[in-house]
């Protein structure tokens, strides 16, 4: 089965992890989670921009790992995924996983959010986590919710 078409814009405001995020890999990880064609912008940012965006759009005054700005789902998934490099690096170290594994997980997670998946209540969280686990394992990564 072929994966959905993807128009990808990959931007680096913080280029500290550029080598960990080759365009073809980022596209592969996003396509794995897409259920229909997508127009996705991925922006890798530093702590200041991550914090400012989280404060402005979620009223939370800290940088978070991934922010998803979803604009449309049908007929094309249109979204911006903003990943905060320092937060991703810190979490990967705390979890004992590679940067690539954590970036892949956050891109899958953000892409699912862009398609309406959420984790606001326990049932939604179980469904979304099960989907993330299956996708990550299909991509050759470990279950992102079971850490060493």
C-alpha atoms as a PDB file:
ATOM      1  CA  UNK A   1       0.000   0.000   0.000  1.00  0.00           C
ATOM      2  CA  UNK A   2       1.437   3.369  -0.965  1.00  0.00           C
ATOM      3  CA  UNK A   3       1.784   6.185   1.510  1.00  0.00           C
ATOM      4  CA  UNK A   4      -0.148   9.440   1.054  1.00  0.00           C
ATOM      5  CA  UNK A   5       1.392  12.288  -0.894  1.00  0.00           C
ATOM      6  CA  UNK A   6       3.263  14.785   1.248  1.00  0.00           C
ATOM      7  CA  UNK A   7       4.346  18.339   0.580  1.00  0.00           C
ATOM      8  CA  UNK A   8       6.953  19.005   3.277  1.00  0.00           C
ATOM      9  CA  UNK A   9       8.653  22.227   4.289  1.00  0.00           C
ATOM     10  CA  UNK A  10      11.488  21.594   6.758  1.00  0.00           C
ATOM     11  CA  UNK A  11      12.805  24.689   8.550  1.00  0.00           C
ATOM     12  CA  UNK A  12      15.619  25.039  11.070  1.00  0.00           C
ATOM     13  CA  UNK A  13      15.565  28.110  13.311  1.00  0.00           C
ATOM     14  CA  UNK A  14      17.755  25.966  15.592  1.00  0.00           C
ATOM     15  CA  UNK A  15      20.096  23.887  13.439  1.00  0.00           C
ATOM     16  CA  UNK A  16      21.798  22.020  16.290  1.00  0.00           C
ATOM     17  CA  UNK A  17      20.159  18.719  15.265  1.00  0.00           C
ATOM     18  CA  UNK A  18      20.084  19.186  11.485  1.00  0.00           C
ATOM     19  CA  UNK A  19      22.254  16.081  10.951  1.00  0.00           C
ATOM     20  CA  UNK A  20      19.735  13.983  12.920  1.00  0.00           C
ATOM     21  CA  UNK A  21      16.863  15.138  10.720  1.00  0.00           C
ATOM     22  CA  UNK A  22      17.528  14.423   7.052  1.00  0.00           C
ATOM     23  CA  UNK A  23      14.568  15.479   4.951  1.00  0.00           C
ATOM     24  CA  UNK A  24      13.876  11.956   3.631  1.00  0.00           C
ATOM     25  CA  UNK A  25      13.671  10.588   7.199  1.00  0.00           C
ATOM     26  CA  UNK A  26      11.388  13.380   8.416  1.00  0.00           C
ATOM     27  CA  UNK A  27       9.126  12.757   5.416  1.00  0.00           C
ATOM     28  CA  UNK A  28       9.125   8.991   6.100  1.00  0.00           C
ATOM     29  CA  UNK A  29       8.122   9.486   9.740  1.00  0.00           C
ATOM     30  CA  UNK A  30       5.323  11.921   8.879  1.00  0.00           C
ATOM     31  CA  UNK A  31       4.023   9.797   5.979  1.00  0.00           C
ATOM     32  CA  UNK A  32       3.795   6.801   8.310  1.00  0.00           C
ATOM     33  CA  UNK A  33       1.241   8.700  10.412  1.00  0.00           C
ATOM     34  CA  UNK A  34      -0.659  10.364   7.550  1.00  0.00           C
ATOM     35  CA  UNK A  35      -3.964   8.855   6.554  1.00  0.00           C
ATOM     36  CA  UNK A  36      -4.523  11.222   3.600  1.00  0.00           C
ATOM     37  CA  UNK A  37      -2.381  13.630   1.579  1.00  0.00           C
ATOM     38  CA  UNK A  38      -0.630  16.299   3.618  1.00  0.00           C
ATOM     39  CA  UNK A  39       0.920  19.736   3.434  1.00  0.00           C
ATOM     40  CA  UNK A  40       3.101  19.879   6.521  1.00  0.00           C
ATOM     41  CA  UNK A  41       5.635  22.434   7.671  1.00  0.00           C
ATOM     42  CA  UNK A  42       8.111  21.249  10.300  1.00  0.00           C
ATOM     43  CA  UNK A  43      10.007  23.970  12.125  1.00  0.00           C
ATOM     44  CA  UNK A  44      12.796  23.146  14.567  1.00  0.00           C
ATOM     45  CA  UNK A  45      13.134  25.976  17.085  1.00  0.00           C
ATOM     46  CA  UNK A  46      15.155  26.989  20.121  1.00  0.00           C
ATOM     47  CA  UNK A  47      13.859  27.390  23.656  1.00  0.00           C
ATOM     48  CA  UNK A  48      12.935  31.080  23.342  1.00  0.00           C
ATOM     49  CA  UNK A  49      10.748  30.616  20.262  1.00  0.00           C
ATOM     50  CA  UNK A  50       9.257  27.413  21.645  1.00  0.00           C
ATOM     51  CA  UNK A  51       8.352  29.149  24.907  1.00  0.00           C
ATOM     52  CA  UNK A  52       6.915  32.215  23.148  1.00  0.00           C
ATOM     53  CA  UNK A  53       4.698  30.076  20.893  1.00  0.00           C
ATOM     54  CA  UNK A  54       3.493  27.895  23.754  1.00  0.00           C
ATOM     55  CA  UNK A  55       2.745  30.989  25.845  1.00  0.00           C
ATOM     56  CA  UNK A  56       0.909  32.743  23.005  1.00  0.00           C
ATOM     57  CA  UNK A  57      -1.158  29.819  21.724  1.00  0.00           C
ATOM     58  CA  UNK A  58      -1.608  27.605  24.782  1.00  0.00           C
ATOM     59  CA  UNK A  59      -1.148  30.114  27.648  1.00  0.00           C
ATOM     60  CA  UNK A  60       1.638  27.913  29.073  1.00  0.00           C
ATOM     61  CA  UNK A  61       4.866  29.725  29.908  1.00  0.00           C
ATOM     62  CA  UNK A  62       7.448  27.068  29.026  1.00  0.00           C
ATOM     63  CA  UNK A  63       8.877  25.469  25.917  1.00  0.00           C
ATOM     64  CA  UNK A  64       7.271  22.129  25.088  1.00  0.00           C
ATOM     65  CA  UNK A  65       8.477  19.308  22.838  1.00  0.00           C
ATOM     66  CA  UNK A  66       5.985  19.666  19.971  1.00  0.00           C
ATOM     67  CA  UNK A  67       3.236  22.095  19.083  1.00  0.00           C
ATOM     68  CA  UNK A  68       0.750  21.203  16.364  1.00  0.00           C
ATOM     69  CA  UNK A  69      -1.083  23.913  14.480  1.00  0.00           C
ATOM     70  CA  UNK A  70      -3.729  22.116  12.453  1.00  0.00           C
ATOM     71  CA  UNK A  71      -5.570  24.052   9.761  1.00  0.00           C
ATOM     72  CA  UNK A  72      -7.457  21.432   7.741  1.00  0.00           C
ATOM     73  CA  UNK A  73      -7.924  17.672   7.658  1.00  0.00           C
ATOM     74  CA  UNK A  74     -10.010  17.043   4.554  1.00  0.00           C
ATOM     75  CA  UNK A  75      -9.209  16.636   1.705  1.00  0.00           C
ATOM     76  CA  UNK A  76      -5.598  17.508   2.619  1.00  0.00           C
ATOM     77  CA  UNK A  77      -4.052  17.517   6.083  1.00  0.00           C
ATOM     78  CA  UNK A  78      -2.591  21.005   6.479  1.00  0.00           C
ATOM     79  CA  UNK A  79      -0.516  21.712   9.584  1.00  0.00           C
ATOM     80  CA  UNK A  80       2.578  23.232  11.106  1.00  0.00           C
ATOM     81  CA  UNK A  81       4.585  21.110  13.546  1.00  0.00           C
ATOM     82  CA  UNK A  82       6.956  23.089  15.765  1.00  0.00           C
ATOM     83  CA  UNK A  83       9.556  21.028  17.631  1.00  0.00           C
ATOM     84  CA  UNK A  84      11.784  22.547  20.292  1.00  0.00           C
ATOM     85  CA  UNK A  85      15.323  21.180  19.881  1.00  0.00           C
ATOM     86  CA  UNK A  86      16.529  21.721  23.488  1.00  0.00           C
ATOM     87  CA  UNK A  87      13.403  20.092  24.931  1.00  0.00           C
ATOM     88  CA  UNK A  88      13.669  17.128  22.548  1.00  0.00           C
ATOM     89  CA  UNK A  89      17.352  16.687  23.483  1.00  0.00           C
ATOM     90  CA  UNK A  90      16.657  16.875  27.221  1.00  0.00           C
ATOM     91  CA  UNK A  91      13.758  14.423  27.045  1.00  0.00           C
ATOM     92  CA  UNK A  92      15.694  11.964  24.871  1.00  0.00           C
ATOM     93  CA  UNK A  93      18.539  11.977  27.398  1.00  0.00           C
ATOM     94  CA  UNK A  94      16.125  11.536  30.320  1.00  0.00           C
ATOM     95  CA  UNK A  95      14.388   8.654  28.526  1.00  0.00           C
ATOM     96  CA  UNK A  96      17.642   7.007  27.471  1.00  0.00           C
ATOM     97  CA  UNK A  97      16.716   7.029  23.776  1.00  0.00           C
ATOM     98  CA  UNK A  98      18.335   8.491  20.674  1.00  0.00           C
ATOM     99  CA  UNK A  99      17.533  11.953  19.355  1.00  0.00           C
ATOM    100  CA  UNK A 100      16.235  10.378  16.150  1.00  0.00           C
ATOM    101  CA  UNK A 101      13.869   8.084  18.047  1.00  0.00           C
ATOM    102  CA  UNK A 102      12.433  10.995  20.021  1.00  0.00           C
ATOM    103  CA  UNK A 103      12.144  13.265  16.977  1.00  0.00           C
ATOM    104  CA  UNK A 104      10.414  10.438  15.075  1.00  0.00           C
ATOM    105  CA  UNK A 105       7.982   9.970  17.952  1.00  0.00           C
ATOM    106  CA  UNK A 106       7.216  13.683  18.255  1.00  0.00           C
ATOM    107  CA  UNK A 107       6.669  13.965  14.483  1.00  0.00           C
ATOM    108  CA  UNK A 108       4.325  10.966  14.508  1.00  0.00           C
ATOM    109  CA  UNK A 109       2.578  12.413  17.592  1.00  0.00           C
ATOM    110  CA  UNK A 110       2.191  15.852  16.010  1.00  0.00           C
ATOM    111  CA  UNK A 111       0.977  14.395  12.711  1.00  0.00           C
ATOM    112  CA  UNK A 112      -1.696  12.410  14.545  1.00  0.00           C
ATOM    113  CA  UNK A 113      -2.795  15.599  16.354  1.00  0.00           C
ATOM    114  CA  UNK A 114      -3.057  17.312  12.955  1.00  0.00           C
ATOM    115  CA  UNK A 115      -5.584  14.621  11.964  1.00  0.00           C
ATOM    116  CA  UNK A 116      -7.773  15.008  15.027  1.00  0.00           C
ATOM    117  CA  UNK A 117      -6.213  12.516  17.432  1.00  0.00           C
ATOM    118  CA  UNK A 118      -5.956  13.774  20.991  1.00  0.00           C
ATOM    119  CA  UNK A 119      -5.140  12.653  24.511  1.00  0.00           C
ATOM    120  CA  UNK A 120      -7.311  14.890  26.660  1.00  0.00           C
ATOM    121  CA  UNK A 121      -9.092  12.001  28.369  1.00  0.00           C
ATOM    122  CA  UNK A 122      -8.049   8.447  29.214  1.00  0.00           C
ATOM    123  CA  UNK A 123      -9.893   6.777  26.308  1.00  0.00           C
ATOM    124  CA  UNK A 124      -8.450   9.203  23.750  1.00  0.00           C
ATOM    125  CA  UNK A 125      -4.979   8.818  25.283  1.00  0.00           C
ATOM    126  CA  UNK A 126      -5.121   5.004  25.096  1.00  0.00           C
ATOM    127  CA  UNK A 127      -6.231   5.119  21.451  1.00  0.00           C
ATOM    128  CA  UNK A 128      -3.597   7.675  20.452  1.00  0.00           C
ATOM    129  CA  UNK A 129      -0.792   5.928  22.348  1.00  0.00           C
ATOM    130  CA  UNK A 130      -1.676   2.574  20.780  1.00  0.00           C
ATOM    131  CA  UNK A 131      -1.595   4.168  17.323  1.00  0.00           C
ATOM    132  CA  UNK A 132       1.760   5.853  18.070  1.00  0.00           C
ATOM    133  CA  UNK A 133       3.241   2.598  19.364  1.00  0.00           C
ATOM    134  CA  UNK A 134       2.145   0.663  16.264  1.00  0.00           C
ATOM    135  CA  UNK A 135       3.511   3.343  13.936  1.00  0.00           C
ATOM    136  CA  UNK A 136       6.821   3.664  15.767  1.00  0.00           C
ATOM    137  CA  UNK A 137       7.318  -0.101  15.781  1.00  0.00           C
ATOM    138  CA  UNK A 138       6.493  -0.250  12.058  1.00  0.00           C
ATOM    139  CA  UNK A 139       9.222   2.383  11.560  1.00  0.00           C
ATOM    140  CA  UNK A 140      11.709   0.193  13.460  1.00  0.00           C
ATOM    141  CA  UNK A 141      11.658   2.036  16.790  1.00  0.00           C
ATOM    142  CA  UNK A 142      10.754   0.746  20.243  1.00  0.00           C
ATOM    143  CA  UNK A 143       7.421   1.426  21.924  1.00  0.00           C
ATOM    144  CA  UNK A 144       7.741   5.127  22.860  1.00  0.00           C
ATOM    145  CA  UNK A 145       5.752   4.565  26.058  1.00  0.00           C
ATOM    146  CA  UNK A 146       8.012   1.835  27.468  1.00  0.00           C
ATOM    147  CA  UNK A 147      11.382   3.180  28.495  1.00  0.00           C
ATOM    148  CA  UNK A 148      14.528   1.307  29.536  1.00  0.00           C
END
